[in-house]
N, C-alpha and C. Protein backbone atom coordinates (compact mmCIF):
# COMPACT_ATOMS: atom_id res chain seq x y z
N UNK A 1 0.84 -1.19 0.00
CA UNK A 1 0.00 0.00 0.00
C UNK A 1 0.88 1.25 0.00
N UNK A 2 0.32 2.31 -0.48
CA UNK A 2 0.93 3.62 -0.37
C UNK A 2 0.21 4.36 0.76
N UNK A 3 0.98 4.84 1.73
CA UNK A 3 0.41 5.44 2.93
C UNK A 3 0.94 6.86 3.07
N UNK A 4 0.04 7.84 3.05
CA UNK A 4 0.40 9.25 3.23
C UNK A 4 0.27 9.59 4.71
N UNK A 5 1.33 10.17 5.28
CA UNK A 5 1.39 10.40 6.72
C UNK A 5 1.71 11.86 7.00
N UNK A 6 0.87 12.48 7.81
CA UNK A 6 1.09 13.85 8.26
C UNK A 6 2.26 13.87 9.25
N UNK A 7 2.83 15.03 9.49
CA UNK A 7 3.95 15.14 10.43
C UNK A 7 3.52 15.69 11.78
N UNK A 8 3.12 16.94 11.84
CA UNK A 8 2.79 17.59 13.12
C UNK A 8 1.49 17.02 13.69
N UNK A 9 1.59 16.49 14.91
CA UNK A 9 0.43 15.91 15.56
C UNK A 9 0.23 14.44 15.21
N UNK A 10 1.01 13.93 14.26
CA UNK A 10 0.86 12.54 13.82
C UNK A 10 2.15 11.75 14.03
N UNK A 11 3.26 12.28 13.55
CA UNK A 11 4.56 11.66 13.81
C UNK A 11 5.13 12.22 15.11
N UNK A 12 4.95 13.51 15.30
CA UNK A 12 5.43 14.16 16.52
C UNK A 12 4.29 14.93 17.18
N UNK A 13 4.46 15.26 18.45
CA UNK A 13 3.49 16.10 19.14
C UNK A 13 3.38 17.41 18.38
N UNK A 14 2.21 18.00 18.37
CA UNK A 14 1.99 19.23 17.62
C UNK A 14 2.62 20.42 18.35
N UNK A 15 3.74 20.90 17.83
CA UNK A 15 4.45 22.06 18.39
C UNK A 15 4.85 23.03 17.28
N UNK A 16 4.20 22.93 16.12
CA UNK A 16 4.54 23.72 14.94
C UNK A 16 4.72 25.19 15.30
N UNK A 17 5.77 25.85 14.87
CA UNK A 17 6.74 25.43 13.86
C UNK A 17 7.91 24.63 14.41
N UNK A 18 7.96 24.45 15.73
CA UNK A 18 9.00 23.60 16.32
C UNK A 18 8.65 22.14 16.04
N UNK A 19 9.59 21.26 16.30
CA UNK A 19 9.34 19.82 16.17
C UNK A 19 9.10 19.27 17.56
N UNK A 20 7.92 18.69 17.76
CA UNK A 20 7.58 18.11 19.05
C UNK A 20 8.26 16.77 19.26
N UNK A 21 8.02 16.17 20.41
CA UNK A 21 8.56 14.84 20.70
C UNK A 21 7.84 13.80 19.85
N UNK A 22 8.54 12.72 19.46
CA UNK A 22 7.89 11.66 18.68
C UNK A 22 6.73 11.05 19.47
N UNK A 23 5.66 10.73 18.78
CA UNK A 23 4.55 10.04 19.42
C UNK A 23 4.95 8.61 19.75
N UNK A 24 4.34 8.02 20.76
CA UNK A 24 4.69 6.65 21.15
C UNK A 24 4.56 5.68 19.98
N UNK A 25 5.59 4.88 19.80
CA UNK A 25 5.65 3.77 18.84
C UNK A 25 5.70 4.21 17.38
N UNK A 26 5.81 5.50 17.09
CA UNK A 26 5.74 5.96 15.70
C UNK A 26 6.84 5.36 14.84
N UNK A 27 8.09 5.47 15.25
CA UNK A 27 9.16 5.03 14.37
C UNK A 27 9.25 3.51 14.29
N UNK A 28 8.90 2.81 15.35
CA UNK A 28 8.85 1.35 15.27
C UNK A 28 7.79 0.92 14.26
N UNK A 29 6.64 1.57 14.28
CA UNK A 29 5.56 1.23 13.37
C UNK A 29 5.92 1.58 11.93
N UNK A 30 6.47 2.76 11.71
CA UNK A 30 6.84 3.16 10.35
C UNK A 30 7.90 2.22 9.78
N UNK A 31 8.88 1.82 10.59
CA UNK A 31 9.91 0.88 10.12
C UNK A 31 9.29 -0.47 9.79
N UNK A 32 8.37 -0.95 10.62
CA UNK A 32 7.71 -2.23 10.35
C UNK A 32 6.89 -2.16 9.06
N UNK A 33 6.22 -1.03 8.82
CA UNK A 33 5.46 -0.87 7.58
C UNK A 33 6.39 -0.89 6.37
N UNK A 34 7.52 -0.22 6.46
CA UNK A 34 8.48 -0.24 5.35
C UNK A 34 9.05 -1.64 5.14
N UNK A 35 9.33 -2.36 6.21
CA UNK A 35 9.85 -3.72 6.09
C UNK A 35 8.85 -4.64 5.39
N UNK A 36 7.57 -4.34 5.53
CA UNK A 36 6.52 -5.12 4.87
C UNK A 36 6.33 -4.70 3.41
N UNK A 37 7.05 -3.67 2.97
CA UNK A 37 6.99 -3.25 1.58
C UNK A 37 6.05 -2.09 1.28
N UNK A 38 5.48 -1.49 2.31
CA UNK A 38 4.58 -0.35 2.09
C UNK A 38 5.39 0.90 1.74
N UNK A 39 4.84 1.74 0.87
CA UNK A 39 5.48 2.99 0.49
C UNK A 39 4.92 4.10 1.38
N UNK A 40 5.81 4.83 2.03
CA UNK A 40 5.40 5.90 2.94
C UNK A 40 5.67 7.25 2.31
N UNK A 41 4.64 8.10 2.31
CA UNK A 41 4.75 9.45 1.80
C UNK A 41 4.60 10.41 2.98
N UNK A 42 5.54 11.34 3.11
CA UNK A 42 5.38 12.40 4.10
C UNK A 42 4.46 13.44 3.47
N UNK A 43 3.34 13.68 4.12
CA UNK A 43 2.27 14.53 3.60
C UNK A 43 2.01 15.61 4.65
N UNK A 44 2.59 16.80 4.45
CA UNK A 44 2.60 17.80 5.50
C UNK A 44 2.43 19.21 4.96
N UNK A 45 1.96 20.08 5.80
CA UNK A 45 1.82 21.50 5.49
C UNK A 45 3.18 22.18 5.43
N UNK A 46 4.17 21.61 6.09
CA UNK A 46 5.49 22.22 6.17
C UNK A 46 6.11 22.40 4.79
N UNK A 47 6.90 23.47 4.66
CA UNK A 47 7.64 23.69 3.42
C UNK A 47 8.95 24.40 3.77
N UNK A 48 9.84 24.51 2.81
CA UNK A 48 11.11 25.20 3.00
C UNK A 48 11.94 24.59 4.11
N UNK A 49 12.55 25.46 4.93
CA UNK A 49 13.42 24.99 6.02
C UNK A 49 12.67 24.14 7.04
N UNK A 50 11.40 24.49 7.31
CA UNK A 50 10.63 23.70 8.28
C UNK A 50 10.40 22.28 7.77
N UNK A 51 10.18 22.14 6.48
CA UNK A 51 10.03 20.81 5.88
C UNK A 51 11.35 20.05 5.95
N UNK A 52 12.44 20.72 5.61
CA UNK A 52 13.75 20.07 5.66
C UNK A 52 14.09 19.59 7.07
N UNK A 53 13.71 20.37 8.09
CA UNK A 53 13.92 19.96 9.48
C UNK A 53 13.14 18.68 9.79
N UNK A 54 11.90 18.60 9.32
CA UNK A 54 11.08 17.42 9.56
C UNK A 54 11.67 16.20 8.85
N UNK A 55 12.13 16.37 7.63
CA UNK A 55 12.73 15.26 6.87
C UNK A 55 13.97 14.76 7.58
N UNK A 56 14.83 15.67 8.01
CA UNK A 56 16.06 15.29 8.72
C UNK A 56 15.75 14.61 10.05
N UNK A 57 14.74 15.10 10.75
CA UNK A 57 14.33 14.48 12.02
C UNK A 57 13.93 13.02 11.79
N UNK A 58 13.16 12.78 10.74
CA UNK A 58 12.73 11.41 10.43
C UNK A 58 13.92 10.55 10.02
N UNK A 59 14.83 11.09 9.22
CA UNK A 59 16.03 10.35 8.81
C UNK A 59 16.85 9.94 10.03
N UNK A 60 17.01 10.88 10.97
CA UNK A 60 17.78 10.57 12.19
C UNK A 60 17.13 9.46 13.00
N UNK A 61 15.83 9.28 12.80
CA UNK A 61 15.10 8.23 13.51
C UNK A 61 14.86 7.01 12.62
N UNK A 62 15.60 6.92 11.51
CA UNK A 62 15.59 5.71 10.68
C UNK A 62 14.52 5.64 9.60
N UNK A 63 13.84 6.75 9.30
CA UNK A 63 12.78 6.72 8.29
C UNK A 63 13.11 7.67 7.14
N UNK A 64 13.17 7.10 5.94
CA UNK A 64 13.27 7.88 4.71
C UNK A 64 12.02 7.57 3.90
N UNK A 65 11.38 8.60 3.42
CA UNK A 65 10.10 8.44 2.75
C UNK A 65 10.27 8.16 1.26
N UNK A 66 9.29 7.45 0.71
CA UNK A 66 9.21 7.19 -0.73
C UNK A 66 9.21 8.51 -1.49
N UNK A 67 8.44 9.45 -1.01
CA UNK A 67 8.39 10.79 -1.57
C UNK A 67 7.80 11.74 -0.53
N UNK A 68 7.86 13.02 -0.82
CA UNK A 68 7.40 14.03 0.14
C UNK A 68 6.47 15.02 -0.56
N UNK A 69 5.25 15.12 -0.04
CA UNK A 69 4.24 16.05 -0.53
C UNK A 69 3.93 15.89 -2.02
N UNK A 70 4.08 14.68 -2.52
CA UNK A 70 3.69 14.36 -3.89
C UNK A 70 3.40 12.88 -3.99
N UNK A 71 2.73 12.48 -5.05
CA UNK A 71 2.27 11.10 -5.18
C UNK A 71 3.37 10.13 -5.57
N UNK A 72 4.36 10.59 -6.29
CA UNK A 72 5.47 9.74 -6.71
C UNK A 72 6.71 10.62 -6.88
N UNK A 73 7.92 10.05 -6.77
CA UNK A 73 9.13 10.87 -6.74
C UNK A 73 9.34 11.75 -7.97
N UNK A 74 8.91 11.31 -9.13
CA UNK A 74 9.16 12.06 -10.36
C UNK A 74 8.18 13.22 -10.58
N UNK A 75 7.13 13.29 -9.78
CA UNK A 75 6.13 14.33 -9.95
C UNK A 75 6.74 15.69 -9.65
N UNK A 76 6.39 16.68 -10.46
CA UNK A 76 6.84 18.04 -10.21
C UNK A 76 5.65 18.87 -9.75
N UNK A 77 5.92 19.79 -8.86
CA UNK A 77 4.84 20.61 -8.30
C UNK A 77 4.33 21.58 -9.36
N UNK A 78 3.02 21.63 -9.52
CA UNK A 78 2.36 22.52 -10.47
C UNK A 78 1.21 23.19 -9.72
N UNK A 79 1.25 24.51 -9.60
CA UNK A 79 0.22 25.21 -8.83
C UNK A 79 -1.16 25.11 -9.45
N UNK A 80 -1.25 24.65 -10.69
CA UNK A 80 -2.54 24.50 -11.35
C UNK A 80 -3.20 23.15 -11.07
N UNK A 81 -2.47 22.28 -10.38
CA UNK A 81 -2.98 20.94 -10.06
C UNK A 81 -3.13 20.83 -8.55
N UNK A 82 -4.18 20.19 -8.11
CA UNK A 82 -4.41 20.00 -6.67
C UNK A 82 -3.22 19.32 -6.01
N UNK A 83 -2.96 19.69 -4.78
CA UNK A 83 -1.86 19.08 -4.02
C UNK A 83 -2.30 17.79 -3.34
N UNK A 84 -3.48 17.31 -3.66
CA UNK A 84 -3.97 16.05 -3.08
C UNK A 84 -3.00 14.93 -3.44
N UNK A 85 -2.66 14.13 -2.48
CA UNK A 85 -1.73 13.02 -2.66
C UNK A 85 -2.53 11.75 -2.97
N UNK A 86 -2.05 11.00 -3.94
CA UNK A 86 -2.68 9.72 -4.27
C UNK A 86 -2.10 8.64 -3.34
N UNK A 87 -2.93 8.11 -2.48
CA UNK A 87 -2.50 7.09 -1.53
C UNK A 87 -3.66 6.15 -1.23
N UNK A 88 -3.33 4.99 -0.69
CA UNK A 88 -4.36 4.03 -0.28
C UNK A 88 -4.92 4.38 1.08
N UNK A 89 -4.06 4.93 1.94
CA UNK A 89 -4.45 5.28 3.31
C UNK A 89 -3.80 6.60 3.67
N UNK A 90 -4.54 7.43 4.42
CA UNK A 90 -4.04 8.70 4.91
C UNK A 90 -4.06 8.65 6.43
N UNK A 91 -2.92 8.94 7.05
CA UNK A 91 -2.83 8.93 8.50
C UNK A 91 -2.58 10.36 8.96
N UNK A 92 -3.52 10.89 9.73
CA UNK A 92 -3.47 12.29 10.15
C UNK A 92 -4.14 12.41 11.51
N UNK A 93 -3.64 13.30 12.34
CA UNK A 93 -4.23 13.50 13.66
C UNK A 93 -5.61 14.13 13.58
N UNK A 94 -6.00 14.61 12.43
CA UNK A 94 -7.31 15.25 12.28
C UNK A 94 -8.31 14.34 11.58
N UNK A 95 -8.11 13.04 11.70
CA UNK A 95 -9.07 12.09 11.14
C UNK A 95 -10.44 12.31 11.77
N UNK A 96 -11.46 11.86 11.08
CA UNK A 96 -12.84 12.01 11.54
C UNK A 96 -13.04 11.46 12.95
N UNK A 97 -12.53 10.29 13.21
CA UNK A 97 -12.68 9.66 14.52
C UNK A 97 -11.52 9.96 15.46
N UNK A 98 -10.62 10.84 15.06
CA UNK A 98 -9.46 11.15 15.88
C UNK A 98 -8.30 10.22 15.57
N UNK A 99 -7.20 10.44 16.21
CA UNK A 99 -5.98 9.67 15.98
C UNK A 99 -5.94 8.50 16.96
N UNK A 100 -5.93 7.25 16.47
CA UNK A 100 -5.99 6.10 17.38
C UNK A 100 -4.67 5.75 18.05
N UNK A 101 -3.56 6.30 17.58
CA UNK A 101 -2.25 5.95 18.14
C UNK A 101 -1.54 4.94 17.25
N UNK A 102 -0.21 4.99 17.31
CA UNK A 102 0.59 4.14 16.41
C UNK A 102 0.53 2.67 16.76
N UNK A 103 0.30 2.31 18.01
CA UNK A 103 0.16 0.89 18.36
C UNK A 103 -1.04 0.29 17.65
N UNK A 104 -2.16 0.98 17.66
CA UNK A 104 -3.38 0.50 16.99
C UNK A 104 -3.18 0.49 15.47
N UNK A 105 -2.61 1.56 14.93
CA UNK A 105 -2.39 1.64 13.49
C UNK A 105 -1.49 0.50 13.02
N UNK A 106 -0.39 0.30 13.72
CA UNK A 106 0.53 -0.77 13.34
C UNK A 106 -0.12 -2.14 13.35
N UNK A 107 -0.87 -2.43 14.39
CA UNK A 107 -1.52 -3.75 14.49
C UNK A 107 -2.55 -3.93 13.40
N UNK A 108 -3.31 -2.89 13.06
CA UNK A 108 -4.33 -3.02 12.02
C UNK A 108 -3.72 -3.13 10.63
N UNK A 109 -2.74 -2.29 10.32
CA UNK A 109 -2.17 -2.31 8.98
C UNK A 109 -1.28 -3.51 8.73
N UNK A 110 -0.58 -3.96 9.75
CA UNK A 110 0.31 -5.10 9.59
C UNK A 110 -0.38 -6.42 9.88
N UNK A 111 -1.60 -6.33 10.41
CA UNK A 111 -2.40 -7.52 10.71
C UNK A 111 -1.68 -8.49 11.64
N UNK A 112 -0.94 -7.92 12.58
CA UNK A 112 -0.25 -8.75 13.57
C UNK A 112 0.09 -7.89 14.78
N UNK A 113 0.38 -8.52 15.87
CA UNK A 113 0.78 -7.81 17.07
C UNK A 113 2.25 -7.44 16.95
N UNK A 114 2.56 -6.20 17.21
CA UNK A 114 3.94 -5.73 17.16
C UNK A 114 4.48 -5.72 18.58
N UNK A 115 5.68 -6.23 18.73
CA UNK A 115 6.32 -6.23 20.03
C UNK A 115 7.07 -4.91 20.20
N UNK A 116 6.39 -3.92 20.75
CA UNK A 116 7.00 -2.61 20.95
C UNK A 116 7.88 -2.68 22.18
N UNK A 117 9.16 -2.41 21.97
CA UNK A 117 10.11 -2.42 23.08
C UNK A 117 10.42 -0.98 23.44
N UNK A 118 10.45 -0.72 24.73
CA UNK A 118 10.78 0.62 25.17
C UNK A 118 12.26 0.88 24.93
N UNK A 119 12.56 2.07 24.43
CA UNK A 119 13.94 2.49 24.22
C UNK A 119 14.10 3.87 24.82
N UNK A 120 15.21 4.11 25.47
CA UNK A 120 15.57 5.43 25.96
C UNK A 120 14.45 6.08 26.76
N UNK A 121 13.87 5.38 27.66
CA UNK A 121 12.86 5.98 28.51
C UNK A 121 11.44 5.73 28.02
N UNK A 122 10.53 6.49 28.53
CA UNK A 122 9.12 6.33 28.27
C UNK A 122 8.79 6.43 26.79
N UNK A 123 8.18 5.39 26.21
CA UNK A 123 7.71 5.35 24.83
C UNK A 123 8.80 5.62 23.81
N UNK A 124 10.04 5.28 24.08
CA UNK A 124 11.10 5.46 23.12
C UNK A 124 11.60 6.88 22.99
N UNK A 125 11.19 7.74 23.88
CA UNK A 125 11.60 9.14 23.81
C UNK A 125 12.96 9.32 24.46
N UNK A 126 13.67 10.30 23.96
CA UNK A 126 14.99 10.60 24.52
C UNK A 126 14.85 11.39 25.79
């Protein structure tokens, strides 16, 4: 599947324009999804330096995205075309039913129980 994922409030706590702390289990879940062959798109309001900071933050935590704010890597931005991303699933903290958390998302999308191990303190946070 192709999965479009928001950044602020979804990967990290919402502290825009700063980068908040990672949400519990986020990077373990994203890595497991990539290991299963899913394509992850970073789908965010951020642009310019703020976007670059978010990309680097994810890289430092072991996640590189298939593409960023576009449907496929070769796509070029055109202001005459909607910025809607083509994906099978959209993960955002502003979902209709709210954000269920990465533990729930990982178990549903991977169809298995993930053994989340604590790293560096509470919920893998530094």
